[in-house]
Amino acid sequence: MKRSFWLLITLWPLVGLADEADLAELLGRIRHNGSAEFNYQETRKLELAVNPWHGQGMMLSGADGSLIKLQLQPKRVIMVSTPQRLYYWDPQQKQRHSAAVGQAGAAGAQIGLFRSVLQGHAADLQASYDFVPQLHDKTWRLWIAPKPGLNSEDAPTIEISGDENADKRQVIISQPDGEATEYQMLKVAEGPEVDKSIRQLLLEALGD
């Protein structure tokens, strides 16, 4: 997959206006307005692990740019990303952490990248990332890779794809060291009820 991706990147200047139109359409497909809730299945392939790690839960995306990952399996954990801060709460271990996004280093940058992709604001990344769209009759795929020279040695590559079901999507985040995380996601709710859940989970993560 990595070889075919870089082949596409090499051909990018030759693609022309057709791909510009495809990119605009794909960015429109993945964008969502307001709040939304997704069920997710997560698979991590780690460099030093024999078997992949599996998790599942819900992701709640707020209209204000906040993103909450509520992991339910293998244990319940709340991870919150706002435009300014990151919060973590593990009720089983009684561990609570918070940090400014700017102090979270590469991890904070990757969370921000994932949030932009999930919420459909990938166009905001075009100054630092190259985009390669593929649009077919029933399936679509978008590769996002760091531009050469812009801290690209540590930045991940992201592939987001889907089909005719607008509520389903797959996101694969590939790290330069070969580790990768795959999310299978399904939108299950949107609107005011999601906002209510976001507020409740944020308060729990804050300890209020």
C-alpha atoms as a PDB file:
ATOM      1  CA  MET A   1       0.000   0.000   0.000  1.00  0.00           C
ATOM      2  CA  LYS A   2       2.824   2.411   0.864  1.00  0.00           C
ATOM      3  CA  ARG A   3       4.479   1.894  -2.534  1.00  0.00           C
ATOM      4  CA  SER A   4       1.274   2.594  -4.449  1.00  0.00           C
ATOM      5  CA  PHE A   5       0.666   5.686  -2.343  1.00  0.00           C
ATOM      6  CA  TRP A   6       4.036   7.205  -3.120  1.00  0.00           C
ATOM      7  CA  LEU A   7       3.509   6.389  -6.784  1.00  0.00           C
ATOM      8  CA  LEU A   8       0.325   8.441  -6.639  1.00  0.00           C
ATOM      9  CA  ILE A   9       2.192  11.276  -4.938  1.00  0.00           C
ATOM     10  CA  THR A  10       4.797  11.191  -7.711  1.00  0.00           C
ATOM     11  CA  LEU A  11       2.079  11.492 -10.343  1.00  0.00           C
ATOM     12  CA  TRP A  12       0.201  14.231  -8.476  1.00  0.00           C
ATOM     13  CA  PRO A  13       1.415  17.164 -10.658  1.00  0.00           C
ATOM     14  CA  LEU A  14       0.154  15.317 -13.754  1.00  0.00           C
ATOM     15  CA  VAL A  15      -3.317  14.605 -12.471  1.00  0.00           C
ATOM     16  CA  GLY A  16      -4.872  17.936 -13.467  1.00  0.00           C
ATOM     17  CA  LEU A  17      -8.295  19.445 -13.021  1.00  0.00           C
ATOM     18  CA  ALA A  18     -10.198  16.149 -12.848  1.00  0.00           C
ATOM     19  CA  ASP A  19      -8.571  15.273  -9.533  1.00  0.00           C
ATOM     20  CA  GLU A  20      -9.117  18.817  -8.256  1.00  0.00           C
ATOM     21  CA  ALA A  21     -12.838  18.242  -8.802  1.00  0.00           C
ATOM     22  CA  ASP A  22     -12.641  14.799  -7.168  1.00  0.00           C
ATOM     23  CA  LEU A  23     -10.843  16.287  -4.168  1.00  0.00           C
ATOM     24  CA  ALA A  24     -13.479  18.966  -3.728  1.00  0.00           C
ATOM     25  CA  GLU A  25     -16.218  16.325  -3.859  1.00  0.00           C
ATOM     26  CA  LEU A  26     -14.488  14.035  -1.357  1.00  0.00           C
ATOM     27  CA  LEU A  27     -13.847  16.878   1.082  1.00  0.00           C
ATOM     28  CA  GLY A  28     -17.547  17.673   0.829  1.00  0.00           C
ATOM     29  CA  ARG A  29     -18.469  14.048   1.535  1.00  0.00           C
ATOM     30  CA  ILE A  30     -16.437  13.733   4.719  1.00  0.00           C
ATOM     31  CA  ARG A  31     -17.404  17.134   6.122  1.00  0.00           C
ATOM     32  CA  HIS A  32     -20.214  17.160   8.675  1.00  0.00           C
ATOM     33  CA  ASN A  33     -21.870  20.147  10.269  1.00  0.00           C
ATOM     34  CA  GLY A  34     -23.005  20.168  13.869  1.00  0.00           C
ATOM     35  CA  SER A  35     -22.379  17.322  16.302  1.00  0.00           C
ATOM     36  CA  ALA A  36     -22.135  13.629  15.498  1.00  0.00           C
ATOM     37  CA  GLU A  37     -21.569  10.336  17.296  1.00  0.00           C
ATOM     38  CA  PHE A  38     -19.718   7.371  15.803  1.00  0.00           C
ATOM     39  CA  ASN A  39     -19.326   3.783  16.915  1.00  0.00           C
ATOM     40  CA  TYR A  40     -15.771   2.639  16.229  1.00  0.00           C
ATOM     41  CA  GLN A  41     -13.697  -0.524  16.063  1.00  0.00           C
ATOM     42  CA  GLU A  42      -9.961   0.113  16.483  1.00  0.00           C
ATOM     43  CA  THR A  43      -7.043  -2.119  15.495  1.00  0.00           C
ATOM     44  CA  ARG A  44      -3.455  -1.142  16.307  1.00  0.00           C
ATOM     45  CA  LYS A  45      -0.476  -2.880  14.738  1.00  0.00           C
ATOM     46  CA  LEU A  46       2.466  -2.170  17.028  1.00  0.00           C
ATOM     47  CA  GLU A  47       6.114  -2.654  16.151  1.00  0.00           C
ATOM     48  CA  LEU A  48       7.025  -4.715  19.229  1.00  0.00           C
ATOM     49  CA  ALA A  49       3.724  -6.586  19.648  1.00  0.00           C
ATOM     50  CA  VAL A  50       3.151 -10.050  18.203  1.00  0.00           C
ATOM     51  CA  ASN A  51      -0.610  -9.589  17.891  1.00  0.00           C
ATOM     52  CA  PRO A  52      -2.629  -6.474  17.048  1.00  0.00           C
ATOM     53  CA  TRP A  53      -4.362  -4.572  19.836  1.00  0.00           C
ATOM     54  CA  HIS A  54      -8.156  -4.231  19.560  1.00  0.00           C
ATOM     55  CA  GLY A  55     -10.486  -1.674  21.108  1.00  0.00           C
ATOM     56  CA  GLN A  56     -13.965  -0.336  20.592  1.00  0.00           C
ATOM     57  CA  GLY A  57     -16.221   2.428  21.784  1.00  0.00           C
ATOM     58  CA  MET A  58     -17.699   5.723  20.646  1.00  0.00           C
ATOM     59  CA  MET A  59     -16.359   8.979  19.234  1.00  0.00           C
ATOM     60  CA  LEU A  60     -18.337  12.157  19.722  1.00  0.00           C
ATOM     61  CA  SER A  61     -17.552  15.136  17.536  1.00  0.00           C
ATOM     62  CA  GLY A  62     -18.775  18.566  18.672  1.00  0.00           C
ATOM     63  CA  ALA A  63     -19.708  21.560  16.566  1.00  0.00           C
ATOM     64  CA  ASP A  64     -17.205  23.603  18.607  1.00  0.00           C
ATOM     65  CA  GLY A  65     -14.308  21.462  17.346  1.00  0.00           C
ATOM     66  CA  SER A  66     -14.098  19.190  20.386  1.00  0.00           C
ATOM     67  CA  LEU A  67     -13.609  15.451  19.961  1.00  0.00           C
ATOM     68  CA  ILE A  68     -14.226  12.816  22.634  1.00  0.00           C
ATOM     69  CA  LYS A  69     -13.057   9.226  22.364  1.00  0.00           C
ATOM     70  CA  LEU A  70     -14.962   7.053  24.816  1.00  0.00           C
ATOM     71  CA  GLN A  71     -13.183   3.707  24.836  1.00  0.00           C
ATOM     72  CA  LEU A  72     -15.422   0.956  26.203  1.00  0.00           C
ATOM     73  CA  GLN A  73     -13.281  -2.113  25.472  1.00  0.00           C
ATOM     74  CA  PRO A  74     -10.912  -3.476  26.707  1.00  0.00           C
ATOM     75  CA  LYS A  75     -11.645  -0.981  29.502  1.00  0.00           C
ATOM     76  CA  ARG A  76     -13.494   2.294  29.871  1.00  0.00           C
ATOM     77  CA  VAL A  77     -11.321   5.370  29.235  1.00  0.00           C
ATOM     78  CA  ILE A  78     -12.272   8.933  28.259  1.00  0.00           C
ATOM     79  CA  MET A  79      -9.960  10.970  26.008  1.00  0.00           C
ATOM     80  CA  VAL A  80     -10.965  14.542  25.152  1.00  0.00           C
ATOM     81  CA  SER A  81      -9.452  16.859  22.575  1.00  0.00           C
ATOM     82  CA  THR A  82     -10.532  20.499  22.445  1.00  0.00           C
ATOM     83  CA  PRO A  83      -8.874  23.153  20.262  1.00  0.00           C
ATOM     84  CA  GLN A  84      -6.919  24.265  23.362  1.00  0.00           C
ATOM     85  CA  ARG A  85      -6.435  21.268  25.680  1.00  0.00           C
ATOM     86  CA  LEU A  86      -6.268  17.491  25.942  1.00  0.00           C
ATOM     87  CA  TYR A  87      -7.832  15.510  28.819  1.00  0.00           C
ATOM     88  CA  TYR A  88      -7.498  11.855  29.847  1.00  0.00           C
ATOM     89  CA  TRP A  89      -9.472   9.949  32.492  1.00  0.00           C
ATOM     90  CA  ASP A  90      -9.033   6.284  33.382  1.00  0.00           C
ATOM     91  CA  PRO A  91     -11.620   5.509  36.099  1.00  0.00           C
ATOM     92  CA  GLN A  92     -10.271   2.001  36.680  1.00  0.00           C
ATOM     93  CA  GLN A  93      -6.758   3.241  37.480  1.00  0.00           C
ATOM     94  CA  LYS A  94      -7.980   6.566  38.925  1.00  0.00           C
ATOM     95  CA  GLN A  95      -5.635   8.411  36.555  1.00  0.00           C
ATOM     96  CA  ARG A  96      -6.511  11.897  35.293  1.00  0.00           C
ATOM     97  CA  HIS A  97      -4.251  14.036  33.094  1.00  0.00           C
ATOM     98  CA  SER A  98      -4.542  17.266  31.133  1.00  0.00           C
ATOM     99  CA  ALA A  99      -2.220  19.318  28.945  1.00  0.00           C
ATOM    100  CA  ALA A 100      -2.309  22.249  26.567  1.00  0.00           C
ATOM    101  CA  VAL A 101      -2.331  21.121  22.934  1.00  0.00           C
ATOM    102  CA  GLY A 102       0.904  23.014  22.309  1.00  0.00           C
ATOM    103  CA  GLN A 103       2.624  21.130  25.128  1.00  0.00           C
ATOM    104  CA  ALA A 104       1.623  17.666  23.901  1.00  0.00           C
ATOM    105  CA  GLY A 105       4.257  17.524  21.153  1.00  0.00           C
ATOM    106  CA  ALA A 106       3.838  15.034  18.327  1.00  0.00           C
ATOM    107  CA  ALA A 107       0.921  13.329  20.080  1.00  0.00           C
ATOM    108  CA  GLY A 108      -1.031  16.591  20.216  1.00  0.00           C
ATOM    109  CA  ALA A 109      -0.305  17.296  16.557  1.00  0.00           C
ATOM    110  CA  GLN A 110      -1.511  13.829  15.524  1.00  0.00           C
ATOM    111  CA  ILE A 111      -4.705  14.172  17.549  1.00  0.00           C
ATOM    112  CA  GLY A 112      -5.361  17.502  15.855  1.00  0.00           C
ATOM    113  CA  LEU A 113      -4.746  15.925  12.457  1.00  0.00           C
ATOM    114  CA  PHE A 114      -7.144  13.069  13.182  1.00  0.00           C
ATOM    115  CA  ARG A 115      -9.773  15.508  14.470  1.00  0.00           C
ATOM    116  CA  SER A 116      -9.546  17.597  11.297  1.00  0.00           C
ATOM    117  CA  VAL A 117      -9.939  14.511   9.119  1.00  0.00           C
ATOM    118  CA  LEU A 118     -12.837  13.040  11.089  1.00  0.00           C
ATOM    119  CA  GLN A 119     -14.726  16.324  11.248  1.00  0.00           C
ATOM    120  CA  GLY A 120     -14.262  16.937   7.539  1.00  0.00           C
ATOM    121  CA  HIS A 121     -11.922  19.916   7.865  1.00  0.00           C
ATOM    122  CA  ALA A 122      -9.119  18.245   5.947  1.00  0.00           C
ATOM    123  CA  ALA A 123      -8.909  21.249   3.613  1.00  0.00           C
ATOM    124  CA  ASP A 124      -7.383  23.161   6.538  1.00  0.00           C
ATOM    125  CA  LEU A 125      -4.363  20.849   6.265  1.00  0.00           C
ATOM    126  CA  GLN A 126      -3.488  21.561   2.634  1.00  0.00           C
ATOM    127  CA  ALA A 127      -0.689  23.975   3.528  1.00  0.00           C
ATOM    128  CA  SER A 128       1.243  21.132   5.176  1.00  0.00           C
ATOM    129  CA  TYR A 129      -0.139  17.986   3.523  1.00  0.00           C
ATOM    130  CA  ASP A 130      -0.533  16.594   0.020  1.00  0.00           C
ATOM    131  CA  PHE A 131      -3.875  15.044  -0.977  1.00  0.00           C
ATOM    132  CA  VAL A 132      -4.468  12.250  -3.470  1.00  0.00           C
ATOM    133  CA  PRO A 133      -8.163  11.479  -4.161  1.00  0.00           C
ATOM    134  CA  GLN A 134      -9.632   8.393  -5.820  1.00  0.00           C
ATOM    135  CA  LEU A 135     -13.311   8.492  -6.700  1.00  0.00           C
ATOM    136  CA  HIS A 136     -15.152   5.552  -8.271  1.00  0.00           C
ATOM    137  CA  ASP A 137     -18.814   4.770  -8.861  1.00  0.00           C
ATOM    138  CA  LYS A 138     -19.404   3.159  -5.461  1.00  0.00           C
ATOM    139  CA  THR A 139     -16.201   3.685  -3.486  1.00  0.00           C
ATOM    140  CA  TRP A 140     -13.884   6.563  -2.653  1.00  0.00           C
ATOM    141  CA  ARG A 141     -10.495   6.976  -1.036  1.00  0.00           C
ATOM    142  CA  LEU A 142      -8.378   9.940   0.057  1.00  0.00           C
ATOM    143  CA  TRP A 143      -4.683   9.756   0.927  1.00  0.00           C
ATOM    144  CA  ILE A 144      -3.177  12.541   3.040  1.00  0.00           C
ATOM    145  CA  ALA A 145       0.616  12.721   3.401  1.00  0.00           C
ATOM    146  CA  PRO A 146       2.940  15.369   4.884  1.00  0.00           C
ATOM    147  CA  LYS A 147       4.643  17.606   2.359  1.00  0.00           C
ATOM    148  CA  PRO A 148       8.381  16.854   2.056  1.00  0.00           C
ATOM    149  CA  GLY A 149      10.498  18.952   4.377  1.00  0.00           C
ATOM    150  CA  LEU A 150       7.728  19.926   6.806  1.00  0.00           C
ATOM    151  CA  ASN A 151       8.634  17.632   9.724  1.00  0.00           C
ATOM    152  CA  SER A 152       7.531  14.790   7.467  1.00  0.00           C
ATOM    153  CA  GLU A 153       9.942  12.315   9.078  1.00  0.00           C
ATOM    154  CA  ASP A 154       7.744  12.090  12.179  1.00  0.00           C
ATOM    155  CA  ALA A 155       4.327  12.847  10.679  1.00  0.00           C
ATOM    156  CA  PRO A 156       1.851  10.069   9.857  1.00  0.00           C
ATOM    157  CA  THR A 157       0.127   9.291   6.583  1.00  0.00           C
ATOM    158  CA  ILE A 158      -3.660   9.018   6.688  1.00  0.00           C
ATOM    159  CA  GLU A 159      -5.980   7.081   4.379  1.00  0.00           C
ATOM    160  CA  ILE A 160      -9.725   7.658   4.660  1.00  0.00           C
ATOM    161  CA  SER A 161     -12.170   5.680   2.551  1.00  0.00           C
ATOM    162  CA  GLY A 162     -15.844   4.832   2.194  1.00  0.00           C
ATOM    163  CA  ASP A 163     -18.624   3.740  -0.123  1.00  0.00           C
ATOM    164  CA  GLU A 164     -22.252   4.541  -0.878  1.00  0.00           C
ATOM    165  CA  ASN A 165     -23.150   4.472   2.825  1.00  0.00           C
ATOM    166  CA  ALA A 166     -22.385   8.042   3.900  1.00  0.00           C
ATOM    167  CA  ASP A 167     -22.463   7.037   7.589  1.00  0.00           C
ATOM    168  CA  LYS A 168     -19.584   4.542   7.257  1.00  0.00           C
ATOM    169  CA  ARG A 169     -15.901   5.238   6.823  1.00  0.00           C
ATOM    170  CA  GLN A 170     -12.509   3.672   7.422  1.00  0.00           C
ATOM    171  CA  VAL A 171      -9.511   5.636   8.650  1.00  0.00           C
ATOM    172  CA  ILE A 172      -5.958   4.232   8.619  1.00  0.00           C
ATOM    173  CA  ILE A 173      -3.152   6.175  10.300  1.00  0.00           C
ATOM    174  CA  SER A 174       0.302   4.900   9.283  1.00  0.00           C
ATOM    175  CA  GLN A 175       3.386   5.972  11.224  1.00  0.00           C
ATOM    176  CA  PRO A 176       6.859   6.296   9.663  1.00  0.00           C
ATOM    177  CA  ASP A 177       8.133   3.457  11.913  1.00  0.00           C
ATOM    178  CA  GLY A 178       5.636   1.000  10.400  1.00  0.00           C
ATOM    179  CA  GLU A 179       3.043   1.069  13.181  1.00  0.00           C
ATOM    180  CA  ALA A 180      -0.534   1.660  12.077  1.00  0.00           C
ATOM    181  CA  THR A 181      -3.969   2.240  13.584  1.00  0.00           C
ATOM    182  CA  GLU A 182      -7.174   1.396  11.729  1.00  0.00           C
ATOM    183  CA  TYR A 183     -10.644   2.668  12.642  1.00  0.00           C
ATOM    184  CA  GLN A 184     -13.886   1.257  11.279  1.00  0.00           C
ATOM    185  CA  MET A 185     -16.485   3.934  12.002  1.00  0.00           C
ATOM    186  CA  LEU A 186     -20.256   4.207  11.742  1.00  0.00           C
ATOM    187  CA  LYS A 187     -22.220   7.378  12.465  1.00  0.00           C
ATOM    188  CA  VAL A 188     -25.146   6.523  14.741  1.00  0.00           C
ATOM    189  CA  ALA A 189     -26.467   9.898  15.958  1.00  0.00           C
ATOM    190  CA  GLU A 190     -26.253  13.647  15.479  1.00  0.00           C
ATOM    191  CA  GLY A 191     -27.744  16.805  16.944  1.00  0.00           C
ATOM    192  CA  PRO A 192     -28.585  18.066  20.455  1.00  0.00           C
ATOM    193  CA  GLU A 193     -28.468  14.651  22.170  1.00  0.00           C
ATOM    194  CA  VAL A 194     -24.849  14.283  21.097  1.00  0.00           C
ATOM    195  CA  ASP A 195     -24.067  17.722  22.542  1.00  0.00           C
ATOM    196  CA  LYS A 196     -25.570  16.601  25.853  1.00  0.00           C
ATOM    197  CA  SER A 197     -23.386  13.474  25.914  1.00  0.00           C
ATOM    198  CA  ILE A 198     -20.311  15.551  25.078  1.00  0.00           C
ATOM    199  CA  ARG A 199     -20.939  17.877  28.024  1.00  0.00           C
ATOM    200  CA  GLN A 200     -21.437  14.963  30.413  1.00  0.00           C
ATOM    201  CA  LEU A 201     -18.274  13.166  29.311  1.00  0.00           C
ATOM    202  CA  LEU A 202     -16.226  16.350  29.439  1.00  0.00           C
ATOM    203  CA  LEU A 203     -17.365  17.024  32.999  1.00  0.00           C
ATOM    204  CA  GLU A 204     -16.447  13.453  33.961  1.00  0.00           C
ATOM    205  CA  ALA A 205     -13.008  13.814  32.398  1.00  0.00           C
ATOM    206  CA  LEU A 206     -12.477  17.100  34.252  1.00  0.00           C
ATOM    207  CA  GLY A 207     -13.583  15.560  37.542  1.00  0.00           C
ATOM    208  CA  ASP A 208     -16.452  18.005  38.033  1.00  0.00           C
END
